[in-house]
C-alpha atoms as a PDB file:
ATOM      1  CA  UNK A   1     -38.146  26.755 249.652  1.00  0.00           C
ATOM      2  CA  UNK A   2     -34.791  26.800 249.390  1.00  0.00           C
ATOM      3  CA  UNK A   3     -33.447  27.243 252.598  1.00  0.00           C
ATOM      4  CA  UNK A   4     -33.674  26.334 256.020  1.00  0.00           C
ATOM      5  CA  UNK A   5     -31.651  27.602 258.965  1.00  0.00           C
ATOM      6  CA  UNK A   6     -31.339  24.728 261.910  1.00  0.00           C
ATOM      7  CA  UNK A   7     -29.511  26.806 264.530  1.00  0.00           C
ATOM      8  CA  UNK A   8     -28.297  25.051 267.797  1.00  0.00           C
ATOM      9  CA  UNK A   9     -27.492  26.792 270.961  1.00  0.00           C
ATOM     10  CA  UNK A  10     -25.039  26.345 273.786  1.00  0.00           C
ATOM     11  CA  UNK A  11     -23.153  22.902 274.812  1.00  0.00           C
ATOM     12  CA  UNK A  12     -24.601  21.258 271.561  1.00  0.00           C
ATOM     13  CA  UNK A  13     -21.504  21.476 270.094  1.00  0.00           C
ATOM     14  CA  UNK A  14     -20.678  18.446 272.404  1.00  0.00           C
ATOM     15  CA  UNK A  15     -23.777  16.213 271.064  1.00  0.00           C
ATOM     16  CA  UNK A  16     -22.002  12.844 271.289  1.00  0.00           C
ATOM     17  CA  UNK A  17     -19.784  13.078 274.145  1.00  0.00           C
ATOM     18  CA  UNK A  18     -22.128  15.301 276.202  1.00  0.00           C
ATOM     19  CA  UNK A  19     -24.632  12.759 278.628  1.00  0.00           C
ATOM     20  CA  UNK A  20     -25.574  10.587 275.778  1.00  0.00           C
ATOM     21  CA  UNK A  21     -28.340   9.219 278.204  1.00  0.00           C
ATOM     22  CA  UNK A  22     -30.292  11.918 278.032  1.00  0.00           C
ATOM     23  CA  UNK A  23     -29.272  13.602 274.715  1.00  0.00           C
ATOM     24  CA  UNK A  24     -28.017  10.607 272.613  1.00  0.00           C
ATOM     25  CA  UNK A  25     -23.870   9.360 270.794  1.00  0.00           C
ATOM     26  CA  UNK A  26     -24.786  11.212 267.521  1.00  0.00           C
ATOM     27  CA  UNK A  27     -22.848  14.130 266.611  1.00  0.00           C
ATOM     28  CA  UNK A  28     -23.761  17.629 265.232  1.00  0.00           C
ATOM     29  CA  UNK A  29     -22.266  15.834 261.787  1.00  0.00           C
ATOM     30  CA  UNK A  30     -24.825  13.487 261.761  1.00  0.00           C
ATOM     31  CA  UNK A  31     -27.647  15.026 262.340  1.00  0.00           C
ATOM     32  CA  UNK A  32     -26.564  17.534 259.355  1.00  0.00           C
ATOM     33  CA  UNK A  33     -26.610  14.205 257.224  1.00  0.00           C
ATOM     34  CA  UNK A  34     -30.233  12.822 258.410  1.00  0.00           C
ATOM     35  CA  UNK A  35     -31.768  16.420 257.617  1.00  0.00           C
ATOM     36  CA  UNK A  36     -30.180  16.819 254.090  1.00  0.00           C
ATOM     37  CA  UNK A  37     -31.519  13.329 253.837  1.00  0.00           C
ATOM     38  CA  UNK A  38     -34.995  14.289 254.921  1.00  0.00           C
ATOM     39  CA  UNK A  39     -34.621  17.281 253.270  1.00  0.00           C
ATOM     40  CA  UNK A  40     -34.167  16.243 249.430  1.00  0.00           C
ATOM     41  CA  UNK A  41     -33.377  17.562 246.377  1.00  0.00           C
ATOM     42  CA  UNK A  42     -33.806  21.911 246.403  1.00  0.00           C
ATOM     43  CA  UNK A  43     -33.960  22.192 250.268  1.00  0.00           C
ATOM     44  CA  UNK A  44     -30.561  23.528 251.834  1.00  0.00           C
ATOM     45  CA  UNK A  45     -30.381  22.599 255.604  1.00  0.00           C
ATOM     46  CA  UNK A  46     -28.086  25.452 257.041  1.00  0.00           C
ATOM     47  CA  UNK A  47     -26.932  23.998 260.212  1.00  0.00           C
ATOM     48  CA  UNK A  48     -25.100  25.864 262.386  1.00  0.00           C
ATOM     49  CA  UNK A  49     -24.152  25.840 266.102  1.00  0.00           C
ATOM     50  CA  UNK A  50     -22.753  28.374 268.567  1.00  0.00           C
ATOM     51  CA  UNK A  51     -22.130  28.868 272.629  1.00  0.00           C
ATOM     52  CA  UNK A  52     -22.389  32.497 271.890  1.00  0.00           C
ATOM     53  CA  UNK A  53     -26.025  35.017 272.568  1.00  0.00           C
ATOM     54  CA  UNK A  54     -25.404  37.453 270.286  1.00  0.00           C
ATOM     55  CA  UNK A  55     -24.373  35.180 267.501  1.00  0.00           C
ATOM     56  CA  UNK A  56     -27.716  33.430 267.910  1.00  0.00           C
ATOM     57  CA  UNK A  57     -29.323  36.497 267.672  1.00  0.00           C
ATOM     58  CA  UNK A  58     -27.636  37.719 264.639  1.00  0.00           C
ATOM     59  CA  UNK A  59     -28.885  34.617 262.761  1.00  0.00           C
ATOM     60  CA  UNK A  60     -32.612  35.178 263.428  1.00  0.00           C
ATOM     61  CA  UNK A  61     -32.204  38.299 262.217  1.00  0.00           C
ATOM     62  CA  UNK A  62     -30.495  36.699 258.779  1.00  0.00           C
ATOM     63  CA  UNK A  63     -33.723  34.714 258.767  1.00  0.00           C
ATOM     64  CA  UNK A  64     -36.035  38.236 258.944  1.00  0.00           C
ATOM     65  CA  UNK A  65     -34.134  39.947 256.588  1.00  0.00           C
ATOM     66  CA  UNK A  66     -33.966  37.198 253.836  1.00  0.00           C
ATOM     67  CA  UNK A  67     -37.158  35.388 255.449  1.00  0.00           C
ATOM     68  CA  UNK A  68     -35.181  32.203 255.828  1.00  0.00           C
ATOM     69  CA  UNK A  69     -37.161  29.316 257.750  1.00  0.00           C
ATOM     70  CA  UNK A  70     -36.118  28.627 260.972  1.00  0.00           C
ATOM     71  CA  UNK A  71     -35.708  25.409 263.444  1.00  0.00           C
ATOM     72  CA  UNK A  72     -34.443  26.532 266.859  1.00  0.00           C
ATOM     73  CA  UNK A  73     -32.689  24.418 269.377  1.00  0.00           C
ATOM     74  CA  UNK A  74     -31.734  27.172 271.915  1.00  0.00           C
ATOM     75  CA  UNK A  75     -30.582  25.152 274.882  1.00  0.00           C
ATOM     76  CA  UNK A  76     -29.766  26.778 277.940  1.00  0.00           C
ATOM     77  CA  UNK A  77     -30.925  29.737 276.276  1.00  0.00           C
ATOM     78  CA  UNK A  78     -34.383  28.740 276.781  1.00  0.00           C
ATOM     79  CA  UNK A  79     -34.931  29.307 279.776  1.00  0.00           C
ATOM     80  CA  UNK A  80     -34.291  32.616 280.780  1.00  0.00           C
ATOM     81  CA  UNK A  81     -33.122  34.784 277.034  1.00  0.00           C
ATOM     82  CA  UNK A  82     -34.897  37.774 276.872  1.00  0.00           C
ATOM     83  CA  UNK A  83     -32.911  38.652 273.906  1.00  0.00           C
ATOM     84  CA  UNK A  84     -33.374  35.480 271.798  1.00  0.00           C
ATOM     85  CA  UNK A  85     -37.059  35.446 272.902  1.00  0.00           C
ATOM     86  CA  UNK A  86     -37.236  39.199 271.414  1.00  0.00           C
ATOM     87  CA  UNK A  87     -35.000  38.096 267.773  1.00  0.00           C
ATOM     88  CA  UNK A  88     -37.431  34.967 267.448  1.00  0.00           C
ATOM     89  CA  UNK A  89     -40.153  36.531 267.759  1.00  0.00           C
ATOM     90  CA  UNK A  90     -39.475  39.069 264.962  1.00  0.00           C
ATOM     91  CA  UNK A  91     -38.642  35.933 263.192  1.00  0.00           C
ATOM     92  CA  UNK A  92     -42.543  34.474 263.462  1.00  0.00           C
ATOM     93  CA  UNK A  93     -44.040  38.166 263.320  1.00  0.00           C
ATOM     94  CA  UNK A  94     -42.559  38.844 259.840  1.00  0.00           C
ATOM     95  CA  UNK A  95     -43.961  35.248 259.196  1.00  0.00           C
ATOM     96  CA  UNK A  96     -41.309  33.230 258.796  1.00  0.00           C
ATOM     97  CA  UNK A  97     -41.954  30.054 260.335  1.00  0.00           C
ATOM     98  CA  UNK A  98     -39.835  28.735 263.454  1.00  0.00           C
ATOM     99  CA  UNK A  99     -40.249  25.712 265.209  1.00  0.00           C
ATOM    100  CA  UNK A 100     -38.702  25.889 268.296  1.00  0.00           C
ATOM    101  CA  UNK A 101     -36.897  21.878 269.138  1.00  0.00           C
ATOM    102  CA  UNK A 102     -35.424  20.048 272.010  1.00  0.00           C
ATOM    103  CA  UNK A 103     -33.763  16.573 271.863  1.00  0.00           C
ATOM    104  CA  UNK A 104     -35.162  15.717 275.081  1.00  0.00           C
ATOM    105  CA  UNK A 105     -38.223  16.528 276.963  1.00  0.00           C
ATOM    106  CA  UNK A 106     -37.660  19.233 278.938  1.00  0.00           C
ATOM    107  CA  UNK A 107     -40.794  18.288 281.105  1.00  0.00           C
ATOM    108  CA  UNK A 108     -39.335  14.917 282.411  1.00  0.00           C
ATOM    109  CA  UNK A 109     -36.148  17.036 283.402  1.00  0.00           C
ATOM    110  CA  UNK A 110     -35.498  19.601 286.360  1.00  0.00           C
ATOM    111  CA  UNK A 111     -38.199  22.138 287.147  1.00  0.00           C
ATOM    112  CA  UNK A 112     -35.275  25.069 285.674  1.00  0.00           C
ATOM    113  CA  UNK A 113     -36.097  23.471 281.857  1.00  0.00           C
ATOM    114  CA  UNK A 114     -39.726  23.551 282.579  1.00  0.00           C
ATOM    115  CA  UNK A 115     -40.059  26.782 281.354  1.00  0.00           C
ATOM    116  CA  UNK A 116     -38.989  27.920 278.096  1.00  0.00           C
ATOM    117  CA  UNK A 117     -39.454  32.322 277.053  1.00  0.00           C
ATOM    118  CA  UNK A 118     -39.191  30.712 272.983  1.00  0.00           C
ATOM    119  CA  UNK A 119     -42.058  29.129 273.211  1.00  0.00           C
ATOM    120  CA  UNK A 120     -44.753  31.748 273.395  1.00  0.00           C
ATOM    121  CA  UNK A 121     -43.072  33.284 270.319  1.00  0.00           C
ATOM    122  CA  UNK A 122     -42.968  30.428 268.368  1.00  0.00           C
ATOM    123  CA  UNK A 123     -45.027  28.756 265.488  1.00  0.00           C
ATOM    124  CA  UNK A 124     -44.471  25.762 267.255  1.00  0.00           C
ATOM    125  CA  UNK A 125     -42.648  23.094 269.686  1.00  0.00           C
ATOM    126  CA  UNK A 126     -41.531  20.113 269.582  1.00  0.00           C
ATOM    127  CA  UNK A 127     -39.248  17.976 272.025  1.00  0.00           C
ATOM    128  CA  UNK A 128     -38.536  15.080 273.918  1.00  0.00           C
ATOM    129  CA  UNK A 129     -38.404  12.709 270.129  1.00  0.00           C
ATOM    130  CA  UNK A 130     -34.136  12.871 269.679  1.00  0.00           C
ATOM    131  CA  UNK A 131     -33.283  13.707 266.293  1.00  0.00           C
ATOM    132  CA  UNK A 132     -36.913  13.234 265.408  1.00  0.00           C
ATOM    133  CA  UNK A 133     -37.791  16.151 266.834  1.00  0.00           C
ATOM    134  CA  UNK A 134     -35.454  18.063 264.195  1.00  0.00           C
ATOM    135  CA  UNK A 135     -36.977  15.891 260.894  1.00  0.00           C
ATOM    136  CA  UNK A 136     -40.375  16.965 262.268  1.00  0.00           C
ATOM    137  CA  UNK A 137     -39.900  20.234 262.619  1.00  0.00           C
ATOM    138  CA  UNK A 138     -37.868  19.997 259.021  1.00  0.00           C
ATOM    139  CA  UNK A 139     -41.673  18.309 257.823  1.00  0.00           C
ATOM    140  CA  UNK A 140     -43.415  21.387 259.918  1.00  0.00           C
ATOM    141  CA  UNK A 141     -41.763  24.047 258.069  1.00  0.00           C
ATOM    142  CA  UNK A 142     -41.695  22.632 254.866  1.00  0.00           C
ATOM    143  CA  UNK A 143     -45.340  22.376 255.079  1.00  0.00           C
ATOM    144  CA  UNK A 144     -45.827  25.829 256.061  1.00  0.00           C
ATOM    145  CA  UNK A 145     -43.362  27.369 253.363  1.00  0.00           C
END
């Protein structure tokens, strides 16, 4: 494995300033640095963020076509995007690891956040550990690869 897609959904481009009591005070640049350090030599971290559901779906198609493992924080799309769910299912059905991550613990928050349409098709789910959720997911996809 030489590349891991780290895909982030809506509002995560505002990390660092958006609800720091929930999401912490670091931004995506800090996450990129952390993951690059954790990945070490020979693994490229391709970290992306979009507020556009269709773009996220197309990135999952790219993962299927190129057989690239995925760490996915679907953000708000977690709870209702069946289009994203179906694209995520294509990834795992192709035998490519896809780990759903969340910075916060959705089950400790509002009731509407308790449901994930993605979890049922993901290889695994890691939530509630801040940026460490991504580090744990990276370890999981590296072992699966």
